[in-house]
Amino acid sequence: MDIEAIRKELRAYEDRRDEFYRFLDEHIPHDAGTGLYDFKTRPMLDAEKVYELFHKLDYQARKIRGIVINEIVNKEDA
């Protein structure tokens, strides 16, 4: 796999990650003191949407894991 294809997959991962955090930012307030998500307010989230976004993020992470194994680990073992 060439470096541009790898960069494309890494950008796709970052896009999925950003999409996931944008969703959380839109639906969960942040604690003013820590800047962390404030779950004390117990916001109700759309479970189907959370799963959809997480699945996209996880799928892309698994693709990158496969690239690392195929392009780095396996080549070192050869």
PDB file of N, CA and C in Angstrom:
ATOM      1  N   MET A   1       0.862  -1.173   0.000  1.00  0.00           N
ATOM      2  CA  MET A   1       0.000   0.000   0.000  1.00  0.00           C
ATOM      3  C   MET A   1       0.905   1.232   0.000  1.00  0.00           C
ATOM      4  N   ASP A   2       0.583   2.189  -0.842  1.00  0.00           N
ATOM      5  CA  ASP A   2       1.439   3.370  -0.913  1.00  0.00           C
ATOM      6  C   ASP A   2       1.091   4.375   0.187  1.00  0.00           C
ATOM      7  N   ILE A   3       1.974   5.317   0.407  1.00  0.00           N
ATOM      8  CA  ILE A   3       1.837   6.273   1.508  1.00  0.00           C
ATOM      9  C   ILE A   3       0.581   7.128   1.362  1.00  0.00           C
ATOM     10  N   GLU A   4       0.186   7.464   0.145  1.00  0.00           N
ATOM     11  CA  GLU A   4      -1.023   8.278  -0.049  1.00  0.00           C
ATOM     12  C   GLU A   4      -2.280   7.513   0.351  1.00  0.00           C
ATOM     13  N   ALA A   5      -2.322   6.232   0.066  1.00  0.00           N
ATOM     14  CA  ALA A   5      -3.466   5.411   0.469  1.00  0.00           C
ATOM     15  C   ALA A   5      -3.541   5.310   1.991  1.00  0.00           C
ATOM     16  N   ILE A   6      -2.386   5.200   2.627  1.00  0.00           N
ATOM     17  CA  ILE A   6      -2.348   5.152   4.089  1.00  0.00           C
ATOM     18  C   ILE A   6      -2.818   6.478   4.663  1.00  0.00           C
ATOM     19  N   ARG A   7      -2.340   7.577   4.108  1.00  0.00           N
ATOM     20  CA  ARG A   7      -2.775   8.911   4.574  1.00  0.00           C
ATOM     21  C   ARG A   7      -4.288   9.075   4.418  1.00  0.00           C
ATOM     22  N   LYS A   8      -4.827   8.578   3.316  1.00  0.00           N
ATOM     23  CA  LYS A   8      -6.272   8.665   3.080  1.00  0.00           C
ATOM     24  C   LYS A   8      -7.034   7.933   4.179  1.00  0.00           C
ATOM     25  N   GLU A   9      -6.577   6.751   4.551  1.00  0.00           N
ATOM     26  CA  GLU A   9      -7.243   5.986   5.611  1.00  0.00           C
ATOM     27  C   GLU A   9      -7.112   6.678   6.962  1.00  0.00           C
ATOM     28  N   LEU A  10      -5.964   7.278   7.226  1.00  0.00           N
ATOM     29  CA  LEU A  10      -5.790   8.006   8.487  1.00  0.00           C
ATOM     30  C   LEU A  10      -6.691   9.235   8.539  1.00  0.00           C
ATOM     31  N   ARG A  11      -6.822   9.943   7.425  1.00  0.00           N
ATOM     32  CA  ARG A  11      -7.734  11.094   7.377  1.00  0.00           C
ATOM     33  C   ARG A  11      -9.177  10.634   7.580  1.00  0.00           C
ATOM     34  N   ALA A  12      -9.542   9.508   6.994  1.00  0.00           N
ATOM     35  CA  ALA A  12     -10.899   8.981   7.176  1.00  0.00           C
ATOM     36  C   ALA A  12     -11.149   8.654   8.642  1.00  0.00           C
ATOM     37  N   TYR A  13     -10.138   8.096   9.315  1.00  0.00           N
ATOM     38  CA  TYR A  13     -10.267   7.808  10.748  1.00  0.00           C
ATOM     39  C   TYR A  13     -10.491   9.108  11.525  1.00  0.00           C
ATOM     40  N   GLU A  14      -9.690  10.123  11.232  1.00  0.00           N
ATOM     41  CA  GLU A  14      -9.845  11.397  11.929  1.00  0.00           C
ATOM     42  C   GLU A  14     -11.214  12.009  11.665  1.00  0.00           C
ATOM     43  N   ASP A  15     -11.718  11.876  10.448  1.00  0.00           N
ATOM     44  CA  ASP A  15     -13.058  12.380  10.125  1.00  0.00           C
ATOM     45  C   ASP A  15     -14.123  11.665  10.946  1.00  0.00           C
ATOM     46  N   ARG A  16     -14.027  10.333  11.055  1.00  0.00           N
ATOM     47  CA  ARG A  16     -14.999   9.565  11.846  1.00  0.00           C
ATOM     48  C   ARG A  16     -14.920   9.956  13.320  1.00  0.00           C
ATOM     49  N   ARG A  17     -13.693  10.121  13.826  1.00  0.00           N
ATOM     50  CA  ARG A  17     -13.494  10.514  15.221  1.00  0.00           C
ATOM     51  C   ARG A  17     -14.106  11.892  15.471  1.00  0.00           C
ATOM     52  N   ASP A  18     -13.843  12.830  14.580  1.00  0.00           N
ATOM     53  CA  ASP A  18     -14.403  14.180  14.714  1.00  0.00           C
ATOM     54  C   ASP A  18     -15.922  14.146  14.693  1.00  0.00           C
ATOM     55  N   GLU A  19     -16.485  13.334  13.806  1.00  0.00           N
ATOM     56  CA  GLU A  19     -17.943  13.205  13.718  1.00  0.00           C
ATOM     57  C   GLU A  19     -18.531  12.676  15.036  1.00  0.00           C
ATOM     58  N   PHE A  20     -17.872  11.690  15.615  1.00  0.00           N
ATOM     59  CA  PHE A  20     -18.324  11.106  16.878  1.00  0.00           C
ATOM     60  C   PHE A  20     -18.288  12.147  18.001  1.00  0.00           C
ATOM     61  N   TYR A  21     -17.166  12.865  18.108  1.00  0.00           N
ATOM     62  CA  TYR A  21     -17.053  13.871  19.168  1.00  0.00           C
ATOM     63  C   TYR A  21     -17.973  15.066  18.935  1.00  0.00           C
ATOM     64  N   ARG A  22     -18.231  15.419  17.675  1.00  0.00           N
ATOM     65  CA  ARG A  22     -19.189  16.500  17.405  1.00  0.00           C
ATOM     66  C   ARG A  22     -20.568  16.123  17.937  1.00  0.00           C
ATOM     67  N   PHE A  23     -20.952  14.864  17.709  1.00  0.00           N
ATOM     68  CA  PHE A  23     -22.244  14.394  18.211  1.00  0.00           C
ATOM     69  C   PHE A  23     -22.293  14.508  19.736  1.00  0.00           C
ATOM     70  N   LEU A  24     -21.229  14.031  20.400  1.00  0.00           N
ATOM     71  CA  LEU A  24     -21.208  14.125  21.864  1.00  0.00           C
ATOM     72  C   LEU A  24     -21.253  15.578  22.312  1.00  0.00           C
ATOM     73  N   ASP A  25     -20.478  16.432  21.660  1.00  0.00           N
ATOM     74  CA  ASP A  25     -20.451  17.850  22.034  1.00  0.00           C
ATOM     75  C   ASP A  25     -21.816  18.510  21.875  1.00  0.00           C
ATOM     76  N   GLU A  26     -22.572  18.092  20.879  1.00  0.00           N
ATOM     77  CA  GLU A  26     -23.900  18.662  20.643  1.00  0.00           C
ATOM     78  C   GLU A  26     -24.926  18.200  21.664  1.00  0.00           C
ATOM     79  N   HIS A  27     -24.681  17.061  22.321  1.00  0.00           N
ATOM     80  CA  HIS A  27     -25.704  16.479  23.175  1.00  0.00           C
ATOM     81  C   HIS A  27     -25.340  16.360  24.653  1.00  0.00           C
ATOM     82  N   ILE A  28     -24.082  16.544  24.983  1.00  0.00           N
ATOM     83  CA  ILE A  28     -23.664  16.406  26.379  1.00  0.00           C
ATOM     84  C   ILE A  28     -22.922  17.675  26.802  1.00  0.00           C
ATOM     85  N   PRO A  29     -23.397  18.323  27.852  1.00  0.00           N
ATOM     86  CA  PRO A  29     -22.697  19.529  28.302  1.00  0.00           C
ATOM     87  C   PRO A  29     -21.340  19.187  28.917  1.00  0.00           C
ATOM     88  N   HIS A  30     -20.469  20.172  28.937  1.00  0.00           N
ATOM     89  CA  HIS A  30     -19.164  20.004  29.559  1.00  0.00           C
ATOM     90  C   HIS A  30     -19.174  20.617  30.958  1.00  0.00           C
ATOM     91  N   ASP A  31     -18.465  19.990  31.868  1.00  0.00           N
ATOM     92  CA  ASP A  31     -18.289  20.524  33.215  1.00  0.00           C
ATOM     93  C   ASP A  31     -17.405  21.763  33.105  1.00  0.00           C
ATOM     94  N   ALA A  32     -17.858  22.877  33.650  1.00  0.00           N
ATOM     95  CA  ALA A  32     -17.124  24.136  33.533  1.00  0.00           C
ATOM     96  C   ALA A  32     -15.757  24.069  34.219  1.00  0.00           C
ATOM     97  N   GLY A  33     -15.651  23.290  35.278  1.00  0.00           N
ATOM     98  CA  GLY A  33     -14.401  23.212  36.020  1.00  0.00           C
ATOM     99  C   GLY A  33     -13.348  22.325  35.385  1.00  0.00           C
ATOM    100  N   THR A  34     -13.793  21.252  34.741  1.00  0.00           N
ATOM    101  CA  THR A  34     -12.826  20.290  34.195  1.00  0.00           C
ATOM    102  C   THR A  34     -12.779  20.274  32.671  1.00  0.00           C
ATOM    103  N   GLY A  35     -13.847  20.720  32.028  1.00  0.00           N
ATOM    104  CA  GLY A  35     -13.918  20.651  30.581  1.00  0.00           C
ATOM    105  C   GLY A  35     -14.319  19.278  30.072  1.00  0.00           C
ATOM    106  N   LEU A  36     -14.523  18.337  30.990  1.00  0.00           N
ATOM    107  CA  LEU A  36     -14.927  16.980  30.614  1.00  0.00           C
ATOM    108  C   LEU A  36     -16.438  16.928  30.434  1.00  0.00           C
ATOM    109  N   TYR A  37     -16.905  15.886  29.763  1.00  0.00           N
ATOM    110  CA  TYR A  37     -18.345  15.725  29.609  1.00  0.00           C
ATOM    111  C   TYR A  37     -18.988  15.574  30.983  1.00  0.00           C
ATOM    112  N   ASP A  38     -20.112  16.260  31.164  1.00  0.00           N
ATOM    113  CA  ASP A  38     -20.825  16.233  32.438  1.00  0.00           C
ATOM    114  C   ASP A  38     -22.023  15.286  32.306  1.00  0.00           C
ATOM    115  N   PHE A  39     -21.811  14.055  32.768  1.00  0.00           N
ATOM    116  CA  PHE A  39     -22.871  13.049  32.672  1.00  0.00           C
ATOM    117  C   PHE A  39     -23.835  13.120  33.860  1.00  0.00           C
ATOM    118  N   LYS A  40     -23.583  14.018  34.801  1.00  0.00           N
ATOM    119  CA  LYS A  40     -24.461  14.143  35.959  1.00  0.00           C
ATOM    120  C   LYS A  40     -25.859  14.567  35.555  1.00  0.00           C
ATOM    121  N   THR A  41     -25.951  15.295  34.462  1.00  0.00           N
ATOM    122  CA  THR A  41     -27.267  15.744  34.005  1.00  0.00           C
ATOM    123  C   THR A  41     -28.032  14.610  33.337  1.00  0.00           C
ATOM    124  N   ARG A  42     -27.359  13.464  33.144  1.00  0.00           N
ATOM    125  CA  ARG A  42     -27.956  12.276  32.542  1.00  0.00           C
ATOM    126  C   ARG A  42     -28.695  12.563  31.232  1.00  0.00           C
ATOM    127  N   PRO A  43     -27.974  13.111  30.260  1.00  0.00           N
ATOM    128  CA  PRO A  43     -28.652  13.388  28.989  1.00  0.00           C
ATOM    129  C   PRO A  43     -29.065  12.083  28.298  1.00  0.00           C
ATOM    130  N   MET A  44     -30.191  12.148  27.646  1.00  0.00           N
ATOM    131  CA  MET A  44     -30.651  10.990  26.884  1.00  0.00           C
ATOM    132  C   MET A  44     -30.063  11.105  25.481  1.00  0.00           C
ATOM    133  N   LEU A  45     -29.349  10.079  25.080  1.00  0.00           N
ATOM    134  CA  LEU A  45     -28.763  10.048  23.751  1.00  0.00           C
ATOM    135  C   LEU A  45     -29.489   9.029  22.895  1.00  0.00           C
ATOM    136  N   ASP A  46     -29.506   9.279  21.620  1.00  0.00           N
ATOM    137  CA  ASP A  46     -30.084   8.343  20.656  1.00  0.00           C
ATOM    138  C   ASP A  46     -29.113   7.171  20.528  1.00  0.00           C
ATOM    139  N   ALA A  47     -29.453   6.048  21.134  1.00  0.00           N
ATOM    140  CA  ALA A  47     -28.562   4.884  21.160  1.00  0.00           C
ATOM    141  C   ALA A  47     -28.218   4.404  19.753  1.00  0.00           C
ATOM    142  N   GLU A  48     -29.171   4.445  18.857  1.00  0.00           N
ATOM    143  CA  GLU A  48     -28.912   4.005  17.487  1.00  0.00           C
ATOM    144  C   GLU A  48     -27.870   4.907  16.810  1.00  0.00           C
ATOM    145  N   LYS A  49     -27.964   6.218  17.044  1.00  0.00           N
ATOM    146  CA  LYS A  49     -27.004   7.151  16.465  1.00  0.00           C
ATOM    147  C   LYS A  49     -25.626   6.968  17.093  1.00  0.00           C
ATOM    148  N   VAL A  50     -25.567   6.774  18.396  1.00  0.00           N
ATOM    149  CA  VAL A  50     -24.285   6.537  19.066  1.00  0.00           C
ATOM    150  C   VAL A  50     -23.633   5.287  18.488  1.00  0.00           C
ATOM    151  N   TYR A  51     -24.405   4.229  18.336  1.00  0.00           N
ATOM    152  CA  TYR A  51     -23.866   2.988  17.770  1.00  0.00           C
ATOM    153  C   TYR A  51     -23.388   3.201  16.341  1.00  0.00           C
ATOM    154  N   GLU A  52     -24.175   3.899  15.534  1.00  0.00           N
ATOM    155  CA  GLU A  52     -23.793   4.155  14.141  1.00  0.00           C
ATOM    156  C   GLU A  52     -22.451   4.886  14.066  1.00  0.00           C
ATOM    157  N   LEU A  53     -22.304   5.936  14.862  1.00  0.00           N
ATOM    158  CA  LEU A  53     -21.059   6.710  14.846  1.00  0.00           C
ATOM    159  C   LEU A  53     -19.888   5.907  15.393  1.00  0.00           C
ATOM    160  N   PHE A  54     -20.121   5.171  16.467  1.00  0.00           N
ATOM    161  CA  PHE A  54     -19.043   4.360  17.027  1.00  0.00           C
ATOM    162  C   PHE A  54     -18.631   3.266  16.053  1.00  0.00           C
ATOM    163  N   HIS A  55     -19.608   2.650  15.392  1.00  0.00           N
ATOM    164  CA  HIS A  55     -19.301   1.584  14.434  1.00  0.00           C
ATOM    165  C   HIS A  55     -18.411   2.105  13.302  1.00  0.00           C
ATOM    166  N   LYS A  56     -18.722   3.298  12.785  1.00  0.00           N
ATOM    167  CA  LYS A  56     -17.891   3.896  11.736  1.00  0.00           C
ATOM    168  C   LYS A  56     -16.465   4.126  12.239  1.00  0.00           C
ATOM    169  N   LEU A  57     -16.350   4.646  13.439  1.00  0.00           N
ATOM    170  CA  LEU A  57     -15.036   4.910  14.034  1.00  0.00           C
ATOM    171  C   LEU A  57     -14.275   3.609  14.250  1.00  0.00           C
ATOM    172  N   ASP A  58     -14.936   2.620  14.806  1.00  0.00           N
ATOM    173  CA  ASP A  58     -14.305   1.334  15.075  1.00  0.00           C
ATOM    174  C   ASP A  58     -13.893   0.633  13.784  1.00  0.00           C
ATOM    175  N   TYR A  59     -14.741   0.689  12.774  1.00  0.00           N
ATOM    176  CA  TYR A  59     -14.432   0.059  11.484  1.00  0.00           C
ATOM    177  C   TYR A  59     -13.166   0.674  10.894  1.00  0.00           C
ATOM    178  N   GLN A  60     -13.079   1.992  10.932  1.00  0.00           N
ATOM    179  CA  GLN A  60     -11.911   2.660  10.374  1.00  0.00           C
ATOM    180  C   GLN A  60     -10.662   2.324  11.184  1.00  0.00           C
ATOM    181  N   ALA A  61     -10.791   2.246  12.498  1.00  0.00           N
ATOM    182  CA  ALA A  61      -9.648   1.875  13.345  1.00  0.00           C
ATOM    183  C   ALA A  61      -9.174   0.459  13.015  1.00  0.00           C
ATOM    184  N   ARG A  62     -10.117  -0.460  12.770  1.00  0.00           N
ATOM    185  CA  ARG A  62      -9.737  -1.829  12.416  1.00  0.00           C
ATOM    186  C   ARG A  62      -9.062  -1.891  11.041  1.00  0.00           C
ATOM    187  N   LYS A  63      -9.497  -1.034  10.114  1.00  0.00           N
ATOM    188  CA  LYS A  63      -8.828  -0.966   8.817  1.00  0.00           C
ATOM    189  C   LYS A  63      -7.376  -0.527   8.989  1.00  0.00           C
ATOM    190  N   ILE A  64      -7.168   0.486   9.815  1.00  0.00           N
ATOM    191  CA  ILE A  64      -5.810   0.978  10.048  1.00  0.00           C
ATOM    192  C   ILE A  64      -4.978  -0.080  10.752  1.00  0.00           C
ATOM    193  N   ARG A  65      -5.574  -0.799  11.682  1.00  0.00           N
ATOM    194  CA  ARG A  65      -4.854  -1.898  12.348  1.00  0.00           C
ATOM    195  C   ARG A  65      -4.383  -2.914  11.318  1.00  0.00           C
ATOM    196  N   GLY A  66      -5.249  -3.252  10.369  1.00  0.00           N
ATOM    197  CA  GLY A  66      -4.876  -4.189   9.318  1.00  0.00           C
ATOM    198  C   GLY A  66      -3.736  -3.664   8.465  1.00  0.00           C
ATOM    199  N   ILE A  67      -3.763  -2.379   8.166  1.00  0.00           N
ATOM    200  CA  ILE A  67      -2.682  -1.763   7.392  1.00  0.00           C
ATOM    201  C   ILE A  67      -1.372  -1.869   8.156  1.00  0.00           C
ATOM    202  N   VAL A  68      -1.414  -1.553   9.441  1.00  0.00           N
ATOM    203  CA  VAL A  68      -0.192  -1.617  10.259  1.00  0.00           C
ATOM    204  C   VAL A  68       0.352  -3.038  10.266  1.00  0.00           C
ATOM    205  N   ILE A  69      -0.511  -3.999  10.463  1.00  0.00           N
ATOM    206  CA  ILE A  69      -0.050  -5.393  10.494  1.00  0.00           C
ATOM    207  C   ILE A  69       0.519  -5.804   9.144  1.00  0.00           C
ATOM    208  N   ASN A  70      -0.187  -5.492   8.074  1.00  0.00           N
ATOM    209  CA  ASN A  70       0.261  -5.902   6.738  1.00  0.00           C
ATOM    210  C   ASN A  70       1.489  -5.145   6.258  1.00  0.00           C
ATOM    211  N   GLU A  71       1.540  -3.867   6.529  1.00  0.00           N
ATOM    212  CA  GLU A  71       2.608  -3.034   5.984  1.00  0.00           C
ATOM    213  C   GLU A  71       3.842  -2.950   6.875  1.00  0.00           C
ATOM    214  N   ILE A  72       3.673  -3.148   8.164  1.00  0.00           N
ATOM    215  CA  ILE A  72       4.814  -2.987   9.071  1.00  0.00           C
ATOM    216  C   ILE A  72       5.210  -4.308   9.706  1.00  0.00           C
ATOM    217  N   VAL A  73       4.294  -4.919  10.418  1.00  0.00           N
ATOM    218  CA  VAL A  73       4.610  -6.124  11.168  1.00  0.00           C
ATOM    219  C   VAL A  73       5.005  -7.262  10.242  1.00  0.00           C
ATOM    220  N   ASN A  74       4.178  -7.564   9.251  1.00  0.00           N
ATOM    221  CA  ASN A  74       4.465  -8.671   8.345  1.00  0.00           C
ATOM    222  C   ASN A  74       5.730  -8.438   7.537  1.00  0.00           C
ATOM    223  N   LYS A  75       5.989  -7.199   7.150  1.00  0.00           N
ATOM    224  CA  LYS A  75       7.189  -6.909   6.376  1.00  0.00           C
ATOM    225  C   LYS A  75       8.464  -7.055   7.233  1.00  0.00           C
ATOM    226  N   GLU A  76       8.337  -6.753   8.535  1.00  0.00           N
ATOM    227  CA  GLU A  76       9.481  -6.945   9.437  1.00  0.00           C
ATOM    228  C   GLU A  76       9.775  -8.419   9.650  1.00  0.00           C
ATOM    229  N   ASP A  77       8.720  -9.238   9.618  1.00  0.00           N
ATOM    230  CA  ASP A  77       8.896 -10.677   9.815  1.00  0.00           C
ATOM    231  C   ASP A  77       9.437 -11.382   8.575  1.00  0.00           C
ATOM    232  N   ALA A  78       9.295 -10.730   7.414  1.00  0.00           N
ATOM    233  CA  ALA A  78       9.719 -11.362   6.143  1.00  0.00           C
ATOM    234  C   ALA A  78      11.218 -11.370   5.977  1.00  0.00           C
TER     235      ALA A  78
END
